[in-house]
PDB file of N, CA and C in Angstrom:
ATOM      1  N   MET A   1     321.741 189.612 161.226  1.00  0.00           N
ATOM      2  CA  MET A   1     321.704 190.348 162.470  1.00  0.00           C
ATOM      3  C   MET A   1     321.218 191.816 162.189  1.00  0.00           C
ATOM      4  N   THR A   2     320.336 192.289 162.998  1.00  0.00           N
ATOM      5  CA  THR A   2     319.775 193.640 162.846  1.00  0.00           C
ATOM      6  C   THR A   2     320.718 194.642 163.542  1.00  0.00           C
ATOM      7  N   THR A   3     321.026 195.683 162.854  1.00  0.00           N
ATOM      8  CA  THR A   3     321.901 196.679 163.437  1.00  0.00           C
ATOM      9  C   THR A   3     321.168 197.893 163.894  1.00  0.00           C
ATOM     10  N   HIS A   4     321.776 198.680 164.644  1.00  0.00           N
ATOM     11  CA  HIS A   4     321.220 199.955 165.169  1.00  0.00           C
ATOM     12  C   HIS A   4     320.818 200.839 163.953  1.00  0.00           C
ATOM     13  N   THR A   5     321.614 200.821 162.928  1.00  0.00           N
ATOM     14  CA  THR A   5     321.316 201.626 161.721  1.00  0.00           C
ATOM     15  C   THR A   5     320.086 201.141 161.001  1.00  0.00           C
ATOM     16  N   ASP A   6     319.892 199.799 160.982  1.00  0.00           N
ATOM     17  CA  ASP A   6     318.648 199.225 160.389  1.00  0.00           C
ATOM     18  C   ASP A   6     317.394 199.749 161.157  1.00  0.00           C
ATOM     19  N   HIS A   7     317.490 199.707 162.497  1.00  0.00           N
ATOM     20  CA  HIS A   7     316.381 200.158 163.280  1.00  0.00           C
ATOM     21  C   HIS A   7     316.106 201.637 163.075  1.00  0.00           C
ATOM     22  N   GLU A   8     317.175 202.429 162.975  1.00  0.00           N
ATOM     23  CA  GLU A   8     317.038 203.875 162.708  1.00  0.00           C
ATOM     24  C   GLU A   8     316.346 204.117 161.405  1.00  0.00           C
ATOM     25  N   HIS A   9     316.740 203.407 160.379  1.00  0.00           N
ATOM     26  CA  HIS A   9     316.154 203.528 159.061  1.00  0.00           C
ATOM     27  C   HIS A   9     314.669 203.144 159.065  1.00  0.00           C
ATOM     28  N   THR A  10     314.367 202.006 159.759  1.00  0.00           N
ATOM     29  CA  THR A  10     312.984 201.538 159.827  1.00  0.00           C
ATOM     30  C   THR A  10     312.137 202.512 160.580  1.00  0.00           C
ATOM     31  N   TYR A  11     312.675 203.074 161.720  1.00  0.00           N
ATOM     32  CA  TYR A  11     311.957 204.024 162.531  1.00  0.00           C
ATOM     33  C   TYR A  11     311.578 205.281 161.706  1.00  0.00           C
ATOM     34  N   LYS A  12     312.550 205.744 160.963  1.00  0.00           N
ATOM     35  CA  LYS A  12     312.303 206.980 160.107  1.00  0.00           C
ATOM     36  C   LYS A  12     311.255 206.677 159.059  1.00  0.00           C
ATOM     37  N   ASP A  13     311.370 205.547 158.343  1.00  0.00           N
ATOM     38  CA  ASP A  13     310.427 205.153 157.303  1.00  0.00           C
ATOM     39  C   ASP A  13     308.998 204.981 157.868  1.00  0.00           C
ATOM     40  N   PHE A  14     308.925 204.382 159.067  1.00  0.00           N
ATOM     41  CA  PHE A  14     307.639 204.186 159.771  1.00  0.00           C
ATOM     42  C   PHE A  14     307.031 205.521 160.114  1.00  0.00           C
ATOM     43  N   SER A  15     307.859 206.396 160.665  1.00  0.00           N
ATOM     44  CA  SER A  15     307.411 207.746 161.037  1.00  0.00           C
ATOM     45  C   SER A  15     306.872 208.541 159.833  1.00  0.00           C
ATOM     46  N   ASP A  16     307.547 208.315 158.735  1.00  0.00           N
ATOM     47  CA  ASP A  16     307.108 209.038 157.478  1.00  0.00           C
ATOM     48  C   ASP A  16     305.812 208.417 156.937  1.00  0.00           C
ATOM     49  N   ALA A  17     305.671 207.079 157.049  1.00  0.00           N
ATOM     50  CA  ALA A  17     304.527 206.398 156.472  1.00  0.00           C
ATOM     51  C   ALA A  17     303.259 206.591 157.329  1.00  0.00           C
ATOM     52  N   VAL A  18     303.413 206.582 158.613  1.00  0.00           N
ATOM     53  CA  VAL A  18     302.284 206.666 159.553  1.00  0.00           C
ATOM     54  C   VAL A  18     302.054 208.108 159.919  1.00  0.00           C
ATOM     55  N   ASN A  19     301.065 208.683 159.251  1.00  0.00           N
ATOM     56  CA  ASN A  19     300.842 210.156 159.464  1.00  0.00           C
ATOM     57  C   ASN A  19     299.608 210.424 160.330  1.00  0.00           C
ATOM     58  N   MET A  20     299.112 209.420 161.015  1.00  0.00           N
ATOM     59  CA  MET A  20     297.987 209.561 161.917  1.00  0.00           C
ATOM     60  C   MET A  20     298.508 209.465 163.329  1.00  0.00           C
ATOM     61  N   ALA A  21     297.997 210.355 164.180  1.00  0.00           N
ATOM     62  CA  ALA A  21     298.375 210.289 165.654  1.00  0.00           C
ATOM     63  C   ALA A  21     297.604 209.089 166.266  1.00  0.00           C
ATOM     64  N   PRO A  22     298.159 208.551 167.365  1.00  0.00           N
ATOM     65  CA  PRO A  22     297.541 207.392 167.986  1.00  0.00           C
ATOM     66  C   PRO A  22     296.040 207.604 168.272  1.00  0.00           C
ATOM     67  N   ALA A  23     295.687 208.705 168.885  1.00  0.00           N
ATOM     68  CA  ALA A  23     294.315 208.957 169.240  1.00  0.00           C
ATOM     69  C   ALA A  23     293.403 209.018 167.997  1.00  0.00           C
ATOM     70  N   GLU A  24     293.975 209.619 166.902  1.00  0.00           N
ATOM     71  CA  GLU A  24     293.205 209.809 165.674  1.00  0.00           C
ATOM     72  C   GLU A  24     292.996 208.341 165.050  1.00  0.00           C
ATOM     73  N   LEU A  25     294.058 207.547 165.054  1.00  0.00           N
ATOM     74  CA  LEU A  25     293.947 206.158 164.536  1.00  0.00           C
ATOM     75  C   LEU A  25     292.953 205.367 165.365  1.00  0.00           C
ATOM     76  N   GLU A  26     293.023 205.470 166.678  1.00  0.00           N
ATOM     77  CA  GLU A  26     292.114 204.724 167.556  1.00  0.00           C
ATOM     78  C   GLU A  26     290.682 205.120 167.246  1.00  0.00           C
ATOM     79  N   ARG A  27     290.393 206.421 167.049  1.00  0.00           N
ATOM     80  CA  ARG A  27     289.023 206.833 166.710  1.00  0.00           C
ATOM     81  C   ARG A  27     288.584 206.178 165.428  1.00  0.00           C
ATOM     82  N   PHE A  28     289.467 206.188 164.402  1.00  0.00           N
ATOM     83  CA  PHE A  28     289.112 205.614 163.127  1.00  0.00           C
ATOM     84  C   PHE A  28     288.876 204.084 163.245  1.00  0.00           C
ATOM     85  N   LEU A  29     289.653 203.433 163.997  1.00  0.00           N
ATOM     86  CA  LEU A  29     289.513 201.964 164.223  1.00  0.00           C
ATOM     87  C   LEU A  29     288.185 201.577 164.839  1.00  0.00           C
ATOM     88  N   GLU A  30     287.542 202.504 165.510  1.00  0.00           N
ATOM     89  CA  GLU A  30     286.229 202.265 166.058  1.00  0.00           C
ATOM     90  C   GLU A  30     285.095 202.435 165.082  1.00  0.00           C
ATOM     91  N   SER A  31     285.381 203.013 163.916  1.00  0.00           N
ATOM     92  CA  SER A  31     284.372 203.275 162.914  1.00  0.00           C
ATOM     93  C   SER A  31     283.932 202.009 162.117  1.00  0.00           C
ATOM     94  N   ASP A  32     282.713 202.098 161.629  1.00  0.00           N
ATOM     95  CA  ASP A  32     282.218 200.957 160.822  1.00  0.00           C
ATOM     96  C   ASP A  32     283.049 200.833 159.511  1.00  0.00           C
ATOM     97  N   ASP A  33     283.512 201.964 158.976  1.00  0.00           N
ATOM     98  CA  ASP A  33     284.288 201.884 157.702  1.00  0.00           C
ATOM     99  C   ASP A  33     285.604 201.125 157.991  1.00  0.00           C
ATOM    100  N   SER A  34     286.215 201.371 159.091  1.00  0.00           N
ATOM    101  CA  SER A  34     287.490 200.712 159.451  1.00  0.00           C
ATOM    102  C   SER A  34     287.272 199.224 159.579  1.00  0.00           C
ATOM    103  N   LYS A  35     286.215 198.850 160.235  1.00  0.00           N
ATOM    104  CA  LYS A  35     285.944 197.455 160.530  1.00  0.00           C
ATOM    105  C   LYS A  35     285.431 196.696 159.308  1.00  0.00           C
ATOM    106  N   ARG A  36     284.931 197.440 158.315  1.00  0.00           N
ATOM    107  CA  ARG A  36     284.314 196.857 157.087  1.00  0.00           C
ATOM    108  C   ARG A  36     285.369 196.444 156.083  1.00  0.00           C
ATOM    109  N   VAL A  37     286.434 197.278 155.931  1.00  0.00           N
ATOM    110  CA  VAL A  37     287.371 197.066 154.850  1.00  0.00           C
ATOM    111  C   VAL A  37     288.485 196.113 155.220  1.00  0.00           C
ATOM    112  N   GLY A  38     289.159 195.572 154.227  1.00  0.00           N
ATOM    113  CA  GLY A  38     290.379 194.815 154.447  1.00  0.00           C
ATOM    114  C   GLY A  38     290.170 193.324 154.346  1.00  0.00           C
ATOM    115  N   TRP A  39     291.283 192.612 154.289  1.00  0.00           N
ATOM    116  CA  TRP A  39     291.318 191.173 154.106  1.00  0.00           C
ATOM    117  C   TRP A  39     291.128 190.520 155.473  1.00  0.00           C
ATOM    118  N   LYS A  40     290.193 189.585 155.504  1.00  0.00           N
ATOM    119  CA  LYS A  40     289.835 189.032 156.796  1.00  0.00           C
ATOM    120  C   LYS A  40     290.249 187.553 156.997  1.00  0.00           C
ATOM    121  N   GLY A  41     291.189 187.120 156.157  1.00  0.00           N
ATOM    122  CA  GLY A  41     291.778 185.782 156.363  1.00  0.00           C
ATOM    123  C   GLY A  41     291.405 184.759 155.336  1.00  0.00           C
ATOM    124  N   GLU A  42     291.961 183.610 155.556  1.00  0.00           N
ATOM    125  CA  GLU A  42     291.900 182.500 154.597  1.00  0.00           C
ATOM    126  C   GLU A  42     290.570 181.815 154.617  1.00  0.00           C
ATOM    127  N   ASP A  43     289.730 181.961 155.633  1.00  0.00           N
ATOM    128  CA  ASP A  43     288.535 181.145 155.773  1.00  0.00           C
ATOM    129  C   ASP A  43     287.476 181.494 154.663  1.00  0.00           C
ATOM    130  N   GLY A  44     287.663 182.578 153.950  1.00  0.00           N
ATOM    131  CA  GLY A  44     286.772 182.891 152.895  1.00  0.00           C
ATOM    132  C   GLY A  44     285.425 183.437 153.299  1.00  0.00           C
ATOM    133  N   LYS A  45     285.192 183.466 154.574  1.00  0.00           N
ATOM    134  CA  LYS A  45     283.881 183.931 155.084  1.00  0.00           C
ATOM    135  C   LYS A  45     283.835 185.417 155.279  1.00  0.00           C
ATOM    136  N   GLY A  46     285.042 186.049 155.302  1.00  0.00           N
ATOM    137  CA  GLY A  46     285.048 187.520 155.436  1.00  0.00           C
ATOM    138  C   GLY A  46     284.610 187.940 156.822  1.00  0.00           C
ATOM    139  N   SER A  47     284.666 187.051 157.804  1.00  0.00           N
ATOM    140  CA  SER A  47     284.208 187.424 159.133  1.00  0.00           C
ATOM    141  C   SER A  47     285.452 187.753 160.018  1.00  0.00           C
ATOM    142  N   GLY A  48     285.234 188.327 161.102  1.00  0.00           N
ATOM    143  CA  GLY A  48     286.287 188.586 162.026  1.00  0.00           C
ATOM    144  C   GLY A  48     287.002 189.909 161.693  1.00  0.00           C
ATOM    145  N   GLU A  49     288.136 190.062 162.311  1.00  0.00           N
ATOM    146  CA  GLU A  49     288.958 191.292 162.178  1.00  0.00           C
ATOM    147  C   GLU A  49     289.889 191.220 161.016  1.00  0.00           C
ATOM    148  N   SER A  50     289.942 192.277 160.241  1.00  0.00           N
ATOM    149  CA  SER A  50     290.890 192.319 159.120  1.00  0.00           C
ATOM    150  C   SER A  50     292.298 192.433 159.590  1.00  0.00           C
ATOM    151  N   VAL A  51     293.225 192.026 158.724  1.00  0.00           N
ATOM    152  CA  VAL A  51     294.654 192.141 158.995  1.00  0.00           C
ATOM    153  C   VAL A  51     295.000 193.634 159.233  1.00  0.00           C
ATOM    154  N   GLY A  52     294.460 194.537 158.398  1.00  0.00           N
ATOM    155  CA  GLY A  52     294.800 195.948 158.586  1.00  0.00           C
ATOM    156  C   GLY A  52     294.234 196.553 159.894  1.00  0.00           C
ATOM    157  N   HIS A  53     293.021 196.112 160.294  1.00  0.00           N
ATOM    158  CA  HIS A  53     292.467 196.573 161.573  1.00  0.00           C
ATOM    159  C   HIS A  53     293.313 196.154 162.758  1.00  0.00           C
ATOM    160  N   ARG A  54     293.765 194.876 162.706  1.00  0.00           N
ATOM    161  CA  ARG A  54     294.619 194.328 163.799  1.00  0.00           C
ATOM    162  C   ARG A  54     295.961 195.106 163.772  1.00  0.00           C
ATOM    163  N   SER A  55     296.438 195.400 162.566  1.00  0.00           N
ATOM    164  CA  SER A  55     297.707 196.163 162.444  1.00  0.00           C
ATOM    165  C   SER A  55     297.576 197.578 162.994  1.00  0.00           C
ATOM    166  N   GLY A  56     296.422 198.181 162.803  1.00  0.00           N
ATOM    167  CA  GLY A  56     296.182 199.514 163.341  1.00  0.00           C
ATOM    168  C   GLY A  56     296.291 199.579 164.821  1.00  0.00           C
ATOM    169  N   LYS A  57     295.766 198.545 165.514  1.00  0.00           N
ATOM    170  CA  LYS A  57     295.895 198.475 166.968  1.00  0.00           C
ATOM    171  C   LYS A  57     297.381 198.377 167.352  1.00  0.00           C
ATOM    172  N   ARG A  58     298.085 197.539 166.633  1.00  0.00           N
ATOM    173  CA  ARG A  58     299.511 197.382 166.925  1.00  0.00           C
ATOM    174  C   ARG A  58     300.317 198.673 166.667  1.00  0.00           C
ATOM    175  N   ILE A  59     299.950 199.427 165.634  1.00  0.00           N
ATOM    176  CA  ILE A  59     300.592 200.704 165.297  1.00  0.00           C
ATOM    177  C   ILE A  59     300.360 201.654 166.499  1.00  0.00           C
ATOM    178  N   VAL A  60     299.129 201.731 166.984  1.00  0.00           N
ATOM    179  CA  VAL A  60     298.895 202.602 168.169  1.00  0.00           C
ATOM    180  C   VAL A  60     299.809 202.272 169.290  1.00  0.00           C
ATOM    181  N   ALA A  61     299.933 200.958 169.602  1.00  0.00           N
ATOM    182  CA  ALA A  61     300.768 200.515 170.716  1.00  0.00           C
ATOM    183  C   ALA A  61     302.216 200.907 170.426  1.00  0.00           C
ATOM    184  N   ILE A  62     302.747 200.744 169.209  1.00  0.00           N
ATOM    185  CA  ILE A  62     304.116 201.076 168.867  1.00  0.00           C
ATOM    186  C   ILE A  62     304.331 202.529 169.006  1.00  0.00           C
ATOM    187  N   LYS A  63     303.387 203.367 168.557  1.00  0.00           N
ATOM    188  CA  LYS A  63     303.541 204.793 168.613  1.00  0.00           C
ATOM    189  C   LYS A  63     303.510 205.294 170.074  1.00  0.00           C
ATOM    190  N   ARG A  64     302.933 204.558 170.955  1.00  0.00           N
ATOM    191  CA  ARG A  64     302.871 204.945 172.339  1.00  0.00           C
ATOM    192  C   ARG A  64     303.998 204.333 173.164  1.00  0.00           C
ATOM    193  N   THR A  65     304.882 203.632 172.505  1.00  0.00           N
ATOM    194  CA  THR A  65     306.029 202.986 173.154  1.00  0.00           C
ATOM    195  C   THR A  65     307.255 203.936 173.000  1.00  0.00           C
ATOM    196  N   LYS A  66     308.017 204.078 174.061  1.00  0.00           N
ATOM    197  CA  LYS A  66     309.289 204.864 173.934  1.00  0.00           C
ATOM    198  C   LYS A  66     310.160 204.078 172.915  1.00  0.00           C
ATOM    199  N   LYS A  67     310.844 204.888 172.122  1.00  0.00           N
ATOM    200  CA  LYS A  67     311.778 204.296 171.098  1.00  0.00           C
ATOM    201  C   LYS A  67     312.708 203.326 171.682  1.00  0.00           C
ATOM    202  N   ALA A  68     313.264 203.652 172.876  1.00  0.00           N
ATOM    203  CA  ALA A  68     314.271 202.762 173.465  1.00  0.00           C
ATOM    204  C   ALA A  68     313.698 201.420 173.916  1.00  0.00           C
ATOM    205  N   ASP A  69     312.325 201.373 174.033  1.00  0.00           N
ATOM    206  CA  ASP A  69     311.667 200.133 174.492  1.00  0.00           C
ATOM    207  C   ASP A  69     311.116 199.285 173.374  1.00  0.00           C
ATOM    208  N   LEU A  70     311.286 199.714 172.138  1.00  0.00           N
ATOM    209  CA  LEU A  70     310.796 198.963 170.994  1.00  0.00           C
ATOM    210  C   LEU A  70     311.587 197.674 170.802  1.00  0.00           C
ATOM    211  N   THR A  71     310.907 196.600 170.485  1.00  0.00           N
ATOM    212  CA  THR A  71     311.538 195.306 170.301  1.00  0.00           C
ATOM    213  C   THR A  71     311.806 194.997 168.835  1.00  0.00           C
ATOM    214  N   ASP A  72     312.582 193.964 168.618  1.00  0.00           N
ATOM    215  CA  ASP A  72     312.840 193.532 167.202  1.00  0.00           C
ATOM    216  C   ASP A  72     311.553 193.181 166.530  1.00  0.00           C
ATOM    217  N   ASP A  73     310.579 192.627 167.258  1.00  0.00           N
ATOM    218  CA  ASP A  73     309.286 192.299 166.710  1.00  0.00           C
ATOM    219  C   ASP A  73     308.534 193.535 166.328  1.00  0.00           C
ATOM    220  N   ASP A  74     308.640 194.577 167.142  1.00  0.00           N
ATOM    221  CA  ASP A  74     308.025 195.887 166.811  1.00  0.00           C
ATOM    222  C   ASP A  74     308.618 196.404 165.494  1.00  0.00           C
ATOM    223  N   TYR A  75     309.927 196.364 165.386  1.00  0.00           N
ATOM    224  CA  TYR A  75     310.557 196.827 164.209  1.00  0.00           C
ATOM    225  C   TYR A  75     310.171 196.009 162.954  1.00  0.00           C
ATOM    226  N   ALA A  76     309.932 194.718 163.136  1.00  0.00           N
ATOM    227  CA  ALA A  76     309.491 193.889 162.031  1.00  0.00           C
ATOM    228  C   ALA A  76     308.125 194.332 161.586  1.00  0.00           C
ATOM    229  N   HIS A  77     307.265 194.641 162.555  1.00  0.00           N
ATOM    230  CA  HIS A  77     305.901 195.070 162.195  1.00  0.00           C
ATOM    231  C   HIS A  77     305.963 196.459 161.508  1.00  0.00           C
ATOM    232  N   MET A  78     306.879 197.309 161.994  1.00  0.00           N
ATOM    233  CA  MET A  78     307.027 198.603 161.380  1.00  0.00           C
ATOM    234  C   MET A  78     307.393 198.513 159.921  1.00  0.00           C
ATOM    235  N   LYS A  79     308.298 197.556 159.615  1.00  0.00           N
ATOM    236  CA  LYS A  79     308.726 197.338 158.241  1.00  0.00           C
ATOM    237  C   LYS A  79     307.487 196.892 157.417  1.00  0.00           C
ATOM    238  N   LYS A  80     306.686 195.999 157.973  1.00  0.00           N
ATOM    239  CA  LYS A  80     305.497 195.533 157.302  1.00  0.00           C
ATOM    240  C   LYS A  80     304.556 196.676 156.998  1.00  0.00           C
ATOM    241  N   VAL A  81     304.409 197.563 157.914  1.00  0.00           N
ATOM    242  CA  VAL A  81     303.515 198.756 157.741  1.00  0.00           C
ATOM    243  C   VAL A  81     304.025 199.626 156.591  1.00  0.00           C
ATOM    244  N   VAL A  82     305.325 199.889 156.609  1.00  0.00           N
ATOM    245  CA  VAL A  82     305.921 200.730 155.577  1.00  0.00           C
ATOM    246  C   VAL A  82     305.684 200.096 154.212  1.00  0.00           C
ATOM    247  N   GLY A  83     305.922 198.798 154.105  1.00  0.00           N
ATOM    248  CA  GLY A  83     305.732 198.092 152.844  1.00  0.00           C
ATOM    249  C   GLY A  83     304.336 198.172 152.368  1.00  0.00           C
ATOM    250  N   TYR A  84     303.371 197.967 153.267  1.00  0.00           N
ATOM    251  CA  TYR A  84     301.956 198.007 152.881  1.00  0.00           C
ATOM    252  C   TYR A  84     301.607 199.424 152.376  1.00  0.00           C
ATOM    253  N   VAL A  85     301.969 200.442 153.143  1.00  0.00           N
ATOM    254  CA  VAL A  85     301.612 201.816 152.781  1.00  0.00           C
ATOM    255  C   VAL A  85     302.194 202.168 151.412  1.00  0.00           C
ATOM    256  N   HIS A  86     303.451 201.806 151.216  1.00  0.00           N
ATOM    257  CA  HIS A  86     304.095 202.139 149.939  1.00  0.00           C
ATOM    258  C   HIS A  86     303.427 201.406 148.736  1.00  0.00           C
ATOM    259  N   ARG A  87     303.168 200.115 148.892  1.00  0.00           N
ATOM    260  CA  ARG A  87     302.484 199.329 147.859  1.00  0.00           C
ATOM    261  C   ARG A  87     301.093 199.882 147.557  1.00  0.00           C
ATOM    262  N   HIS A  88     300.344 200.170 148.629  1.00  0.00           N
ATOM    263  CA  HIS A  88     298.965 200.635 148.423  1.00  0.00           C
ATOM    264  C   HIS A  88     298.952 202.023 147.776  1.00  0.00           C
ATOM    265  N   LEU A  89     299.839 202.903 148.149  1.00  0.00           N
ATOM    266  CA  LEU A  89     299.928 204.220 147.526  1.00  0.00           C
ATOM    267  C   LEU A  89     300.281 204.091 146.050  1.00  0.00           C
ATOM    268  N   ALA A  90     301.216 203.143 145.738  1.00  0.00           N
ATOM    269  CA  ALA A  90     301.671 202.989 144.354  1.00  0.00           C
ATOM    270  C   ALA A  90     300.526 202.503 143.460  1.00  0.00           C
ATOM    271  N   GLN A  91     299.511 201.823 143.989  1.00  0.00           N
ATOM    272  CA  GLN A  91     298.333 201.405 143.214  1.00  0.00           C
ATOM    273  C   GLN A  91     297.539 202.579 142.766  1.00  0.00           C
ATOM    274  N   GLY A  92     297.670 203.672 143.468  1.00  0.00           N
ATOM    275  CA  GLY A  92     296.851 204.849 143.138  1.00  0.00           C
ATOM    276  C   GLY A  92     295.410 204.663 143.651  1.00  0.00           C
ATOM    277  N   GLY A  93     294.841 205.782 144.010  1.00  0.00           N
ATOM    278  CA  GLY A  93     293.477 205.728 144.541  1.00  0.00           C
ATOM    279  C   GLY A  93     292.452 205.799 143.467  1.00  0.00           C
ATOM    280  N   PRO A  94     291.167 205.871 143.836  1.00  0.00           N
ATOM    281  CA  PRO A  94     290.103 205.920 142.896  1.00  0.00           C
ATOM    282  C   PRO A  94     290.110 207.320 142.194  1.00  0.00           C
ATOM    283  N   ALA A  95     289.540 207.366 141.024  1.00  0.00           N
ATOM    284  CA  ALA A  95     289.522 208.562 140.254  1.00  0.00           C
ATOM    285  C   ALA A  95     288.596 209.665 140.884  1.00  0.00           C
ATOM    286  N   ASP A  96     287.633 209.187 141.650  1.00  0.00           N
ATOM    287  CA  ASP A  96     286.736 210.132 142.288  1.00  0.00           C
ATOM    288  C   ASP A  96     286.429 209.737 143.705  1.00  0.00           C
ATOM    289  N   ASP A  97     286.066 210.645 144.521  1.00  0.00           N
ATOM    290  CA  ASP A  97     285.642 210.426 145.905  1.00  0.00           C
ATOM    291  C   ASP A  97     286.578 209.614 146.747  1.00  0.00           C
ATOM    292  N   VAL A  98     287.894 210.077 146.680  1.00  0.00           N
ATOM    293  CA  VAL A  98     288.937 209.476 147.479  1.00  0.00           C
ATOM    294  C   VAL A  98     288.573 209.475 148.961  1.00  0.00           C
ATOM    295  N   ALA A  99     287.920 210.559 149.426  1.00  0.00           N
ATOM    296  CA  ALA A  99     287.653 210.752 150.846  1.00  0.00           C
ATOM    297  C   ALA A  99     286.833 209.632 151.399  1.00  0.00           C
ATOM    298  N   ARG A 100     285.896 209.040 150.627  1.00  0.00           N
ATOM    299  CA  ARG A 100     285.052 208.023 151.169  1.00  0.00           C
ATOM    300  C   ARG A 100     285.300 206.666 150.463  1.00  0.00           C
ATOM    301  N   SER A 101     286.505 206.430 150.088  1.00  0.00           N
ATOM    302  CA  SER A 101     286.831 205.214 149.345  1.00  0.00           C
ATOM    303  C   SER A 101     287.402 204.129 150.260  1.00  0.00           C
ATOM    304  N   ASP A 102     287.143 202.859 149.875  1.00  0.00           N
ATOM    305  CA  ASP A 102     287.727 201.772 150.636  1.00  0.00           C
ATOM    306  C   ASP A 102     289.266 201.810 150.558  1.00  0.00           C
ATOM    307  N   TRP A 103     289.812 202.327 149.453  1.00  0.00           N
ATOM    308  CA  TRP A 103     291.232 202.455 149.268  1.00  0.00           C
ATOM    309  C   TRP A 103     291.793 203.351 150.435  1.00  0.00           C
ATOM    310  N   ARG A 104     291.157 204.484 150.663  1.00  0.00           N
ATOM    311  CA  ARG A 104     291.604 205.363 151.775  1.00  0.00           C
ATOM    312  C   ARG A 104     291.430 204.677 153.109  1.00  0.00           C
ATOM    313  N   TYR A 105     290.252 204.069 153.353  1.00  0.00           N
ATOM    314  CA  TYR A 105     289.991 203.443 154.620  1.00  0.00           C
ATOM    315  C   TYR A 105     290.970 202.320 154.928  1.00  0.00           C
ATOM    316  N   SER A 106     291.367 201.570 153.897  1.00  0.00           N
ATOM    317  CA  SER A 106     292.353 200.485 154.094  1.00  0.00           C
ATOM    318  C   SER A 106     293.718 201.125 154.539  1.00  0.00           C
ATOM    319  N   LEU A 107     294.094 202.170 153.848  1.00  0.00           N
ATOM    320  CA  LEU A 107     295.345 202.840 154.247  1.00  0.00           C
ATOM    321  C   LEU A 107     295.273 203.390 155.648  1.00  0.00           C
ATOM    322  N   MET A 108     294.134 203.933 155.999  1.00  0.00           N
ATOM    323  CA  MET A 108     293.964 204.506 157.342  1.00  0.00           C
ATOM    324  C   MET A 108     294.035 203.431 158.427  1.00  0.00           C
ATOM    325  N   ASN A 109     293.548 202.188 158.131  1.00  0.00           N
ATOM    326  CA  ASN A 109     293.758 201.099 159.055  1.00  0.00           C
ATOM    327  C   ASN A 109     295.231 200.897 159.365  1.00  0.00           C
ATOM    328  N   TRP A 110     296.125 201.187 158.437  1.00  0.00           N
ATOM    329  CA  TRP A 110     297.569 200.967 158.545  1.00  0.00           C
ATOM    330  C   TRP A 110     298.211 202.307 158.967  1.00  0.00           C
ATOM    331  N   GLY A 111     297.408 203.274 159.419  1.00  0.00           N
ATOM    332  CA  GLY A 111     298.003 204.521 160.012  1.00  0.00           C
ATOM    333  C   GLY A 111     298.344 205.611 159.073  1.00  0.00           C
ATOM    334  N   HIS A 112     297.945 205.455 157.774  1.00  0.00           N
ATOM    335  CA  HIS A 112     298.230 206.508 156.737  1.00  0.00           C
ATOM    336  C   HIS A 112     296.964 207.057 156.143  1.00  0.00           C
ATOM    337  N   ASP A 113     296.741 208.330 156.298  1.00  0.00           N
ATOM    338  CA  ASP A 113     295.590 209.008 155.674  1.00  0.00           C
ATOM    339  C   ASP A 113     296.107 209.758 154.452  1.00  0.00           C
ATOM    340  N   PRO A 114     295.754 209.248 153.241  1.00  0.00           N
ATOM    341  CA  PRO A 114     296.256 209.872 152.000  1.00  0.00           C
ATOM    342  C   PRO A 114     295.609 211.270 151.767  1.00  0.00           C
ATOM    343  N   MET A 115     294.642 211.665 152.551  1.00  0.00           N
ATOM    344  CA  MET A 115     294.036 213.003 152.419  1.00  0.00           C
ATOM    345  C   MET A 115     294.858 214.039 153.145  1.00  0.00           C
ATOM    346  N   LYS A 116     295.724 213.635 154.027  1.00  0.00           N
ATOM    347  CA  LYS A 116     296.577 214.597 154.784  1.00  0.00           C
ATOM    348  C   LYS A 116     297.682 215.076 153.871  1.00  0.00           C
ATOM    349  N   THR A 117     298.041 216.296 154.018  1.00  0.00           N
ATOM    350  CA  THR A 117     299.167 216.820 153.218  1.00  0.00           C
ATOM    351  C   THR A 117     300.461 216.827 154.047  1.00  0.00           C
TER     352      THR A 117
END
């Protein structure tokens, strides 16, 4: 059973991990770089929308939802986002040109821009 405390913890972790504003994330999701990077599913064809790009749209919706109106499913996605951002950051970025790296673009699809301080 999920408790209020679990949701509070998830909400804080999500707010810390997602450092892009909804409008900023929406603009990025429209870019070719956003659409190009990420895992596109089991079919092996690499076609369609990546998991991260789809997640970015969901993040925008969550960030535009009043906290009181968030569902358990929203909180489950928020946990997934936090896990992805933490794992990806732990891998470390490229040694050079982080600003134009697929590593950064993948993180940005998940609402985190590693170039922000």
